[in-house]
């Protein structure tokens, strides 16, 4: 039986649709390795065996992702592919339903790469290593399940599951204020999850029959006041993870206290879950409400871009400044989603992939010089370029990518979002001009706060206590290159990424255009 289904299918085939459960293997392999972590010999203080098991497992999982998507995924199709579905808990309608399309495939690969590199960056973690690497493995499974789930309750369980490892990773291995940051993170995200659950169950109960299948929910296209309420519930719930101002305040605290590998996961993967969920739920399931509220998303995106950039100037902690930068850059994802056309949505997808690589690189390099200097305070650093020249080169390269230097992936993604806004004739000319001008202010501010960060940390008077520190070692250089090389490749050859999702984003934009035509036809004629 064909393992490909249209997005609007009323039902998906039962178990046996896919020739082999490739997606289940991708999801369950890290979880299986996490389960054997407590069984490893030793007192748990020897990091070698746990980190080796985690690294080999995630390397195999990432290799499996690349092989499956290269051999069995058709980027030219907007349909669900590699469908796996069987009744898991029939009494509550819960199904093990997995599938992938252009919206999820690039993010699954991104999450696999970033998590693998986060384990490699955790080489010097020496306390409670079995628990630490077990949590990273569990996080890898939960992330993949979020992107691949086609059952709402399964999606929600995965969404909640990935919160637990992050909370523990911050609370146990974080900085001096780790308990505060971890508690704030879990309170924000758990409260938002309640809105997601209420909105999803409301949609599931809204039709002729109860269903949790995402394709069936999308086929209902709930509208009116009910659709708007569900849309707002999802927007707030997913907006915390994106994050959208003013729901973002957990992010600088979490980044400021988390160690570098966990910050790589936060910026590289978790924020992308919010953007993905907005596309999957708000845009795909509630197109009528999205057309009504799309201008509001653009306004929120502009606020994110400018506020995040201005707030970055006020930060004297390197990681907190980069965290505020992430708030600003994720505003471009909101702009692209709000543009409601193929170019804008394509730009939002590319921005998620691009920012995932760049932000992970910046936090990783920050972790490198933190291990040498034992400080993240910008006023307490200076002159590091002379003693850490390779580290400086990597940090400068990632900063240039973040400020959208031409030739880097950030430039392609942000210019695509701008083109999506300007080419959308459904917005007035004045609205488009104001949007572009305000977003451009953020683009101007970004190089100012990033280059000033480079100047203050790596140039100026050398701090005597930091005069003798070792530079980046070969392992760290490989991790940095694994993140920066893709940003260069996508910058010069964006089709490599665009081909994975273009069919899906085009189909989504076409569906929105059709919905807009239907809405116009319902309006009473004038005159």
Protein backbone atom coordinates (compact mmCIF):
# COMPACT_ATOMS: atom_id res chain seq x y z
CA UNK A 1 0.00 0.00 0.00
CA UNK A 2 1.24 3.49 -0.80
CA UNK A 3 2.71 5.23 2.24
CA UNK A 4 1.85 8.72 0.93
CA UNK A 5 -1.33 10.60 1.78
CA UNK A 6 -2.68 14.06 1.02
CA UNK A 7 -2.68 16.60 3.83
CA UNK A 8 -6.43 16.95 3.60
CA UNK A 9 -7.18 13.25 3.74
CA UNK A 10 -10.22 12.39 5.76
CA UNK A 11 -8.46 9.34 7.18
CA UNK A 12 -5.10 7.68 7.17
CA UNK A 13 -4.47 3.98 6.44
CA UNK A 14 -3.98 1.61 9.34
CA UNK A 15 -0.86 -0.26 10.37
CA UNK A 16 1.08 -1.56 7.38
CA UNK A 17 0.92 1.62 5.31
CA UNK A 18 4.68 2.11 5.52
CA UNK A 19 6.89 -0.65 4.16
CA UNK A 20 9.05 -0.41 7.30
CA UNK A 21 8.61 1.64 10.51
CA UNK A 22 11.52 3.97 9.77
CA UNK A 23 10.05 6.90 11.69
CA UNK A 24 9.39 4.76 14.76
CA UNK A 25 13.02 3.68 14.68
CA UNK A 26 14.16 7.30 14.54
CA UNK A 27 11.95 8.16 17.51
CA UNK A 28 12.55 5.11 19.68
CA UNK A 29 16.27 4.43 19.20
CA UNK A 30 17.47 7.22 21.56
CA UNK A 31 14.76 6.35 24.11
CA UNK A 32 15.87 2.71 24.11
CA UNK A 33 19.46 3.80 24.77
CA UNK A 34 18.24 6.09 27.56
CA UNK A 35 16.57 3.14 29.27
CA UNK A 36 19.82 1.19 29.47
CA UNK A 37 21.80 4.11 30.92
CA UNK A 38 21.01 3.17 34.57
CA UNK A 39 22.21 -0.36 33.82
CA UNK A 40 25.69 0.70 32.77
CA UNK A 41 28.48 -0.45 35.11
CA UNK A 42 30.28 1.97 37.37
CA UNK A 43 29.30 4.49 40.01
CA UNK A 44 28.08 7.00 37.43
CA UNK A 45 30.97 9.40 37.92
CA UNK A 46 33.04 8.01 35.03
CA UNK A 47 31.79 9.91 31.97
CA UNK A 48 33.44 7.76 29.31
CA UNK A 49 30.94 4.92 28.90
CA UNK A 50 27.70 6.98 29.21
CA UNK A 51 28.90 9.66 26.78
CA UNK A 52 30.16 7.02 24.33
CA UNK A 53 26.81 5.20 24.37
CA UNK A 54 24.95 8.49 23.89
CA UNK A 55 27.26 9.68 21.12
CA UNK A 56 27.16 6.39 19.19
CA UNK A 57 23.38 6.14 19.56
CA UNK A 58 22.72 9.67 18.32
CA UNK A 59 25.26 9.29 15.53
CA UNK A 60 23.43 6.17 14.38
CA UNK A 61 20.07 7.95 14.74
CA UNK A 62 21.26 10.96 12.72
CA UNK A 63 22.68 8.67 10.05
CA UNK A 64 19.33 6.87 9.94
CA UNK A 65 17.53 10.21 9.49
CA UNK A 66 19.76 11.18 6.57
CA UNK A 67 19.37 7.77 4.94
CA UNK A 68 15.59 7.61 5.36
CA UNK A 69 14.95 11.12 4.06
CA UNK A 70 17.42 10.70 1.18
CA UNK A 71 15.98 7.35 0.07
CA UNK A 72 12.30 7.43 1.05
CA UNK A 73 11.24 11.10 1.24
CA UNK A 74 10.04 12.98 -1.84
CA UNK A 75 10.53 16.71 -1.36
CA UNK A 76 8.51 17.44 -4.49
CA UNK A 77 5.36 16.09 -2.84
CA UNK A 78 3.21 18.04 -0.37
CA UNK A 79 1.63 14.85 0.92
CA UNK A 80 2.22 13.00 4.16
CA UNK A 81 4.83 10.32 3.66
CA UNK A 82 6.21 7.29 5.52
CA UNK A 83 2.87 6.95 7.30
CA UNK A 84 2.71 4.65 10.32
CA UNK A 85 -0.56 4.28 12.20
CA UNK A 86 -2.01 1.81 14.67
CA UNK A 87 -4.34 2.02 17.65
CA UNK A 88 -2.27 2.42 20.79
CA UNK A 89 -4.90 3.12 23.48
CA UNK A 90 -8.23 2.65 21.64
CA UNK A 91 -10.37 3.49 24.66
CA UNK A 92 -9.28 7.14 24.54
CA UNK A 93 -8.67 7.29 20.79
CA UNK A 94 -4.88 7.55 21.13
CA UNK A 95 -2.99 6.26 18.11
CA UNK A 96 0.69 5.77 17.39
CA UNK A 97 0.46 7.84 14.22
CA UNK A 98 3.65 9.09 12.61
CA UNK A 99 4.25 10.70 9.22
CA UNK A 100 6.44 13.37 7.70
CA UNK A 101 6.16 16.11 5.11
CA UNK A 102 8.08 19.23 4.14
CA UNK A 103 7.13 21.05 7.34
CA UNK A 104 8.62 18.39 9.61
CA UNK A 105 11.45 16.68 7.66
CA UNK A 106 13.97 19.59 7.79
CA UNK A 107 13.33 20.14 11.49
CA UNK A 108 13.74 16.46 12.32
CA UNK A 109 17.17 16.52 10.66
CA UNK A 110 18.03 19.79 12.42
CA UNK A 111 17.08 18.37 15.82
CA UNK A 112 19.12 15.21 15.15
CA UNK A 113 22.22 17.22 14.24
CA UNK A 114 22.01 19.71 17.11
CA UNK A 115 21.35 17.00 19.72
CA UNK A 116 24.25 14.92 18.45
CA UNK A 117 26.57 17.92 18.66
CA UNK A 118 25.21 18.83 22.12
CA UNK A 119 26.32 15.39 23.35
CA UNK A 120 29.74 15.90 21.74
CA UNK A 121 29.94 19.32 23.43
CA UNK A 122 29.23 17.68 26.81
CA UNK A 123 32.57 15.90 26.84
CA UNK A 124 33.68 17.53 30.08
CA UNK A 125 30.50 16.83 32.06
CA UNK A 126 31.68 14.58 34.88
CA UNK A 127 28.84 14.61 37.44
CA UNK A 128 25.88 12.20 37.33
CA UNK A 129 26.82 11.34 33.77
CA UNK A 130 24.44 8.42 33.34
CA UNK A 131 21.51 10.66 34.23
CA UNK A 132 22.83 13.56 32.16
CA UNK A 133 23.33 11.63 28.92
CA UNK A 134 20.17 9.62 29.52
CA UNK A 135 18.18 12.86 29.65
CA UNK A 136 19.79 14.06 26.41
CA UNK A 137 18.80 10.78 24.73
CA UNK A 138 15.24 11.06 26.04
CA UNK A 139 15.13 14.64 24.78
CA UNK A 140 16.18 13.47 21.31
CA UNK A 141 13.27 11.02 21.15
CA UNK A 142 10.73 13.57 22.42
CA UNK A 143 11.87 16.20 19.90
CA UNK A 144 11.56 13.83 16.95
CA UNK A 145 8.13 12.69 18.17
CA UNK A 146 6.88 16.30 18.34
CA UNK A 147 7.75 16.86 14.67
CA UNK A 148 6.50 13.48 13.42
CA UNK A 149 3.27 12.97 15.41
CA UNK A 150 0.03 12.93 13.43
CA UNK A 151 -2.22 12.35 16.45
CA UNK A 152 -2.97 15.35 18.65
CA UNK A 153 -2.76 13.48 21.96
CA UNK A 154 0.50 11.82 20.90
CA UNK A 155 1.83 15.24 19.90
CA UNK A 156 0.79 16.68 23.25
CA UNK A 157 2.41 13.84 25.21
CA UNK A 158 5.66 14.38 23.29
CA UNK A 159 5.38 18.16 23.84
CA UNK A 160 5.09 17.58 27.58
CA UNK A 161 7.74 14.86 27.68
CA UNK A 162 10.45 17.11 26.24
CA UNK A 163 9.90 19.62 29.05
CA UNK A 164 11.08 17.18 31.72
CA UNK A 165 14.67 16.60 30.49
CA UNK A 166 15.20 20.32 29.88
CA UNK A 167 13.95 21.19 33.35
CA UNK A 168 16.26 18.64 34.98
CA UNK A 169 19.24 19.55 32.80
CA UNK A 170 18.94 23.18 33.89
CA UNK A 171 18.05 22.45 37.53
CA UNK A 172 20.93 19.99 38.13
CA UNK A 173 23.74 21.13 35.82
CA UNK A 174 22.95 24.84 35.53
CA UNK A 175 24.50 27.91 37.13
CA UNK A 176 24.04 29.50 40.53
CA UNK A 177 20.44 30.57 39.81
CA UNK A 178 19.55 27.27 38.14
CA UNK A 179 16.56 26.44 40.37
CA UNK A 180 14.94 29.79 39.66
CA UNK A 181 15.52 29.52 35.90
CA UNK A 182 14.32 25.91 35.72
CA UNK A 183 11.20 26.63 37.76
CA UNK A 184 10.36 29.67 35.64
CA UNK A 185 10.82 27.60 32.49
CA UNK A 186 8.52 24.82 33.64
CA UNK A 187 5.84 27.21 34.97
CA UNK A 188 5.66 29.15 31.70
CA UNK A 189 5.67 26.11 29.44
CA UNK A 190 3.35 23.95 31.57
CA UNK A 191 0.77 26.74 31.83
CA UNK A 192 0.95 27.25 28.07
CA UNK A 193 0.45 23.51 27.58
CA UNK A 194 -2.94 23.76 29.29
CA UNK A 195 -4.12 26.15 26.56
CA UNK A 196 -2.79 23.82 23.87
CA UNK A 197 -4.65 20.85 25.39
CA UNK A 198 -7.94 22.77 25.74
CA UNK A 199 -7.78 24.09 22.16
CA UNK A 200 -6.87 20.71 20.70
CA UNK A 201 -9.59 18.82 22.54
CA UNK A 202 -12.13 21.49 21.56
CA UNK A 203 -11.26 20.88 17.90
CA UNK A 204 -11.39 17.13 18.40
CA UNK A 205 -14.93 17.39 19.81
CA UNK A 206 -16.19 19.97 17.31
CA UNK A 207 -17.12 17.72 14.38
CA UNK A 208 -19.60 14.95 13.78
CA UNK A 209 -17.29 12.48 15.51
CA UNK A 210 -14.41 12.65 17.96
CA UNK A 211 -10.99 12.44 16.35
CA UNK A 212 -7.44 13.24 17.34
CA UNK A 213 -5.97 12.72 13.88
CA UNK A 214 -4.32 15.92 12.65
CA UNK A 215 -5.34 15.42 9.00
CA UNK A 216 -8.96 14.93 9.96
CA UNK A 217 -8.83 18.01 12.20
CA UNK A 218 -7.32 20.02 9.33
CA UNK A 219 -10.12 18.87 7.01
CA UNK A 220 -12.70 20.42 9.36
CA UNK A 221 -11.25 23.96 8.98
CA UNK A 222 -13.14 25.28 12.00
CA UNK A 223 -14.18 28.89 11.52
CA UNK A 224 -16.12 31.69 13.14
CA UNK A 225 -15.71 32.66 16.77
CA UNK A 226 -14.93 29.08 17.73
CA UNK A 227 -12.03 28.95 15.28
CA UNK A 228 -10.69 32.28 16.52
CA UNK A 229 -10.77 31.13 20.15
CA UNK A 230 -8.93 27.91 19.30
CA UNK A 231 -6.43 29.90 17.24
CA UNK A 232 -5.74 32.27 20.15
CA UNK A 233 -5.34 29.34 22.54
CA UNK A 234 -2.77 27.73 20.24
CA UNK A 235 -1.07 31.08 19.60
CA UNK A 236 -0.46 31.75 23.29
CA UNK A 237 0.43 28.13 24.02
CA UNK A 238 2.95 27.81 21.19
CA UNK A 239 3.99 31.44 21.52
CA UNK A 240 5.62 30.75 24.88
CA UNK A 241 7.98 28.26 23.22
CA UNK A 242 8.69 30.40 20.12
CA UNK A 243 8.87 32.81 22.13
CA UNK A 244 6.53 35.75 21.42
CA UNK A 245 6.76 39.00 23.43
CA UNK A 246 5.70 39.29 26.26
CA UNK A 247 5.78 35.51 26.82
CA UNK A 248 9.54 35.35 26.34
CA UNK A 249 10.91 36.25 29.76
CA UNK A 250 11.78 32.65 30.69
CA UNK A 251 14.26 32.42 27.82
CA UNK A 252 17.11 34.75 28.96
CA UNK A 253 17.00 33.20 32.43
CA UNK A 254 17.07 29.65 31.07
CA UNK A 255 19.96 30.41 28.72
CA UNK A 256 21.83 32.35 31.36
CA UNK A 257 21.84 29.40 33.78
CA UNK A 258 21.92 26.38 31.42
CA UNK A 259 25.25 24.95 30.34
CA UNK A 260 26.27 25.42 26.70
CA UNK A 261 24.99 22.05 25.34
CA UNK A 262 21.54 22.63 26.85
CA UNK A 263 21.51 26.16 25.44
CA UNK A 264 22.29 24.62 22.04
CA UNK A 265 19.14 22.51 22.38
CA UNK A 266 17.02 25.41 23.64
CA UNK A 267 17.96 27.73 20.78
CA UNK A 268 18.54 25.14 18.07
CA UNK A 269 15.49 22.92 18.58
CA UNK A 270 12.98 23.94 21.26
CA UNK A 271 12.22 27.38 19.82
CA UNK A 272 11.62 25.76 16.44
CA UNK A 273 8.91 23.59 17.96
CA UNK A 274 6.88 26.74 18.53
CA UNK A 275 7.24 27.86 14.92
CA UNK A 276 6.49 24.38 13.57
CA UNK A 277 3.38 24.06 15.77
CA UNK A 278 2.07 27.44 14.57
CA UNK A 279 2.34 26.24 10.97
CA UNK A 280 0.87 22.81 11.70
CA UNK A 281 -2.00 23.90 13.93
CA UNK A 282 -2.76 27.60 13.49
CA UNK A 283 -2.16 27.86 9.75
CA UNK A 284 -3.00 24.37 8.50
CA UNK A 285 -5.95 23.58 10.78
CA UNK A 286 -7.45 27.05 11.23
CA UNK A 287 -6.88 28.89 7.93
CA UNK A 288 -9.94 31.13 8.28
CA UNK A 289 -8.81 32.39 11.68
CA UNK A 290 -5.25 32.74 10.42
CA UNK A 291 -6.33 35.02 7.59
CA UNK A 292 -8.11 37.23 10.11
CA UNK A 293 -5.22 37.37 12.59
CA UNK A 294 -2.26 37.31 10.18
CA UNK A 295 -1.72 41.10 10.47
CA UNK A 296 -1.58 40.70 14.26
CA UNK A 297 1.17 38.09 13.84
CA UNK A 298 3.13 40.55 11.72
CA UNK A 299 2.78 43.22 14.42
CA UNK A 300 3.94 40.73 17.05
CA UNK A 301 6.86 39.80 14.82
CA UNK A 302 7.91 43.44 14.51
CA UNK A 303 7.73 43.84 18.29
CA UNK A 304 9.87 40.73 18.72
CA UNK A 305 12.48 41.96 16.27
CA UNK A 306 12.88 45.45 17.73
CA UNK A 307 12.36 44.63 21.40
CA UNK A 308 14.73 41.65 21.28
CA UNK A 309 17.42 43.74 19.59
CA UNK A 310 17.07 46.66 22.01
CA UNK A 311 17.00 44.35 25.02
CA UNK A 312 20.22 42.69 23.83
CA UNK A 313 22.06 45.98 24.35
CA UNK A 314 21.17 45.94 28.06
CA UNK A 315 22.71 42.51 28.70
CA UNK A 316 26.18 42.22 30.26
CA UNK A 317 26.06 38.41 30.17
CA UNK A 318 27.14 36.87 26.86
CA UNK A 319 24.51 34.12 26.84
CA UNK A 320 21.69 36.45 27.87
CA UNK A 321 22.63 38.79 25.03
CA UNK A 322 22.53 35.91 22.54
CA UNK A 323 19.20 34.77 24.05
CA UNK A 324 17.69 38.22 23.41
CA UNK A 325 19.08 37.99 19.91
CA UNK A 326 17.11 34.76 19.48
CA UNK A 327 13.92 36.55 20.50
CA UNK A 328 14.63 39.11 17.79
CA UNK A 329 15.42 36.56 15.09
CA UNK A 330 12.36 34.43 15.80
CA UNK A 331 10.32 37.54 15.04
CA UNK A 332 11.15 36.91 11.38
CA UNK A 333 9.44 33.53 11.70
CA UNK A 334 6.29 35.33 12.83
CA UNK A 335 6.59 37.76 9.91
CA UNK A 336 6.88 34.89 7.43
CA UNK A 337 3.92 33.01 8.89
CA UNK A 338 1.86 36.20 8.94
CA UNK A 339 2.69 36.92 5.29
CA UNK A 340 0.24 34.12 4.27
CA UNK A 341 1.94 33.57 0.91
CA UNK A 342 4.36 30.94 -0.37
CA UNK A 343 7.46 33.15 -0.16
CA UNK A 344 6.76 34.29 3.38
CA UNK A 345 6.05 30.80 4.72
CA UNK A 346 9.11 29.49 2.88
CA UNK A 347 11.18 32.22 4.53
CA UNK A 348 9.79 31.27 7.95
CA UNK A 349 10.82 27.65 7.43
CA UNK A 350 14.29 28.64 6.22
CA UNK A 351 14.69 31.04 9.13
CA UNK A 352 13.94 28.23 11.59
CA UNK A 353 16.56 25.97 10.02
CA UNK A 354 19.08 28.80 9.69
CA UNK A 355 18.63 30.16 13.19
CA UNK A 356 18.79 26.65 14.62
CA UNK A 357 22.28 26.20 13.18
CA UNK A 358 23.56 29.70 13.91
CA UNK A 359 22.26 30.03 17.47
CA UNK A 360 23.54 26.56 18.36
CA UNK A 361 26.96 27.59 17.01
CA UNK A 362 26.99 30.82 19.02
CA UNK A 363 26.06 29.11 22.28
CA UNK A 364 28.57 26.34 21.66
CA UNK A 365 31.46 28.77 21.09
CA UNK A 366 30.34 30.72 24.15
CA UNK A 367 30.63 27.48 26.12
CA UNK A 368 34.14 26.98 24.76
CA UNK A 369 35.51 30.23 26.12
CA UNK A 370 33.46 29.90 29.33
CA UNK A 371 35.29 26.64 30.08
CA UNK A 372 38.56 28.58 29.75
CA UNK A 373 37.62 31.83 31.48
CA UNK A 374 34.93 30.67 33.95
CA UNK A 375 32.98 33.88 33.33
CA UNK A 376 30.24 35.09 31.01
CA UNK A 377 30.37 38.69 32.25
CA UNK A 378 31.20 40.96 29.32
CA UNK A 379 32.88 43.65 31.49
CA UNK A 380 35.16 40.97 32.95
CA UNK A 381 36.50 39.85 29.58
CA UNK A 382 38.77 41.44 27.03
CA UNK A 383 41.68 40.75 24.72
CA UNK A 384 40.69 37.11 24.20
CA UNK A 385 41.39 37.25 20.45
CA UNK A 386 45.13 37.10 21.16
CA UNK A 387 44.95 34.01 23.36
CA UNK A 388 41.95 32.32 21.69
CA UNK A 389 42.36 33.14 17.98
CA UNK A 390 40.56 30.04 16.68
CA UNK A 391 37.70 30.49 19.14
CA UNK A 392 37.45 34.13 18.09
CA UNK A 393 37.29 33.13 14.41
CA UNK A 394 34.40 30.76 15.09
CA UNK A 395 32.51 33.28 17.22
CA UNK A 396 32.98 36.04 14.64
CA UNK A 397 31.81 33.72 11.84
CA UNK A 398 28.68 32.76 13.76
CA UNK A 399 28.03 36.42 14.62
CA UNK A 400 28.32 37.40 10.94
CA UNK A 401 25.88 34.62 10.07
CA UNK A 402 23.49 35.87 12.76
CA UNK A 403 23.54 39.43 11.43
CA UNK A 404 22.58 38.08 7.97
CA UNK A 405 25.81 38.63 6.09
CA UNK A 406 25.31 37.81 2.37
CA UNK A 407 26.62 34.32 1.69
CA UNK A 408 25.27 33.01 4.99
CA UNK A 409 21.95 31.21 5.49
CA UNK A 410 20.56 34.02 7.67
CA UNK A 411 20.69 36.45 4.74
CA UNK A 412 18.70 34.14 2.45
CA UNK A 413 16.02 33.41 5.05
CA UNK A 414 15.48 37.02 6.10
CA UNK A 415 15.42 38.40 2.55
CA UNK A 416 12.87 35.71 1.65
CA UNK A 417 10.64 36.85 4.50
CA UNK A 418 10.95 40.47 3.31
CA UNK A 419 10.01 39.45 -0.23
CA UNK A 420 7.05 37.51 1.13
CA UNK A 421 5.75 40.62 2.88
CA UNK A 422 6.27 42.95 -0.09
CA UNK A 423 4.75 40.56 -2.66
CA UNK A 424 1.51 40.01 -0.77
CA UNK A 425 -1.09 42.22 -2.45
CA UNK A 426 -3.70 41.43 0.20
CA UNK A 427 -1.94 43.92 2.52
CA UNK A 428 -2.17 47.63 1.83
CA UNK A 429 0.91 49.37 0.47
CA UNK A 430 1.21 51.45 3.63
CA UNK A 431 1.10 48.37 5.86
CA UNK A 432 3.80 46.66 3.81
CA UNK A 433 6.05 49.73 3.81
CA UNK A 434 5.72 50.25 7.57
CA UNK A 435 6.42 46.56 8.19
CA UNK A 436 9.56 46.59 6.05
CA UNK A 437 10.87 49.83 7.60
CA UNK A 438 10.35 48.62 11.18
CA UNK A 439 11.84 45.19 10.47
CA UNK A 440 14.82 46.90 8.84
CA UNK A 441 15.45 48.74 12.11
CA UNK A 442 16.01 45.36 13.72
CA UNK A 443 18.40 44.43 10.93
CA UNK A 444 20.40 47.59 11.60
CA UNK A 445 20.51 47.00 15.37
CA UNK A 446 21.67 43.38 15.07
CA UNK A 447 25.20 44.03 13.79
CA UNK A 448 25.62 46.82 16.35
CA UNK A 449 25.01 44.65 19.42
CA UNK A 450 26.76 41.58 17.99
CA UNK A 451 29.89 43.35 16.77
CA UNK A 452 30.09 45.36 19.99
CA UNK A 453 29.93 42.03 21.84
CA UNK A 454 32.85 40.71 19.77
CA UNK A 455 34.82 43.91 20.39
CA UNK A 456 34.32 43.89 24.16
CA UNK A 457 35.02 40.18 24.63
CA UNK A 458 37.86 39.62 22.18
CA UNK A 459 39.57 43.03 21.90
CA UNK A 460 40.45 45.88 24.21
CA UNK A 461 42.69 45.57 27.30
CA UNK A 462 43.65 42.00 28.09
CA UNK A 463 42.49 40.79 31.50
CA UNK A 464 45.62 39.45 33.31
CA UNK A 465 43.74 36.48 34.76
CA UNK A 466 42.79 35.40 31.22
CA UNK A 467 46.26 35.78 29.73
CA UNK A 468 47.03 32.05 29.67
CA UNK A 469 44.11 29.96 28.45
CA UNK A 470 44.16 27.17 25.90
CA UNK A 471 42.49 27.59 22.52
CA UNK A 472 39.83 25.41 20.89
CA UNK A 473 40.86 21.75 20.57
CA UNK A 474 40.21 19.52 17.50
CA UNK A 475 37.00 18.02 18.92
CA UNK A 476 35.55 21.47 19.52
CA UNK A 477 36.65 22.66 16.08
CA UNK A 478 34.80 19.74 14.45
CA UNK A 479 31.62 20.63 16.37
CA UNK A 480 31.89 24.27 15.33
CA UNK A 481 32.48 23.37 11.69
CA UNK A 482 29.53 20.96 11.74
CA UNK A 483 27.28 23.93 12.52
CA UNK A 484 28.93 26.68 10.46
CA UNK A 485 29.56 24.72 7.24
CA UNK A 486 25.81 24.09 6.71
CA UNK A 487 25.12 27.82 7.19
CA UNK A 488 27.59 28.57 4.41
CA UNK A 489 26.29 25.80 2.16
CA UNK A 490 22.68 26.95 2.57
CA UNK A 491 23.78 30.56 2.10
CA UNK A 492 25.34 29.82 -1.28
CA UNK A 493 22.98 26.97 -2.24
CA UNK A 494 19.65 27.60 -0.48
CA UNK A 495 17.90 25.11 -2.75
CA UNK A 496 19.46 22.34 -0.71
CA UNK A 497 17.10 23.24 2.14
CA UNK A 498 14.24 24.77 0.16
CA UNK A 499 13.71 21.63 -1.92
CA UNK A 500 12.81 19.73 1.24
CA UNK A 501 9.83 21.89 2.15
CA UNK A 502 8.85 24.04 -0.85
CA UNK A 503 6.05 21.75 -2.02
CA UNK A 504 4.49 21.78 1.46
CA UNK A 505 4.77 25.53 1.98
CA UNK A 506 3.38 26.18 -1.51
CA UNK A 507 0.44 23.85 -0.83
CA UNK A 508 -0.18 25.60 2.47
CA UNK A 509 -0.15 29.03 0.82
CA UNK A 510 -2.45 27.77 -1.96
CA UNK A 511 -4.88 26.48 0.65
CA UNK A 512 -4.86 29.89 2.37
CA UNK A 513 -5.49 31.64 -0.95
CA UNK A 514 -8.43 29.34 -1.62
CA UNK A 515 -9.79 30.04 1.84
CA UNK A 516 -9.47 33.78 1.17
CA UNK A 517 -11.42 33.43 -2.09
CA UNK A 518 -14.17 31.55 -0.26
CA UNK A 519 -14.33 34.29 2.38
CA UNK A 520 -14.59 36.97 -0.31
CA UNK A 521 -17.37 35.09 -2.08
CA UNK A 522 -19.39 35.07 1.13
CA UNK A 523 -19.24 38.86 1.46
CA UNK A 524 -22.32 40.69 0.26
CA UNK A 525 -21.91 42.53 -3.02
CA UNK A 526 -21.64 46.32 -2.77
CA UNK A 527 -23.61 48.75 -4.87
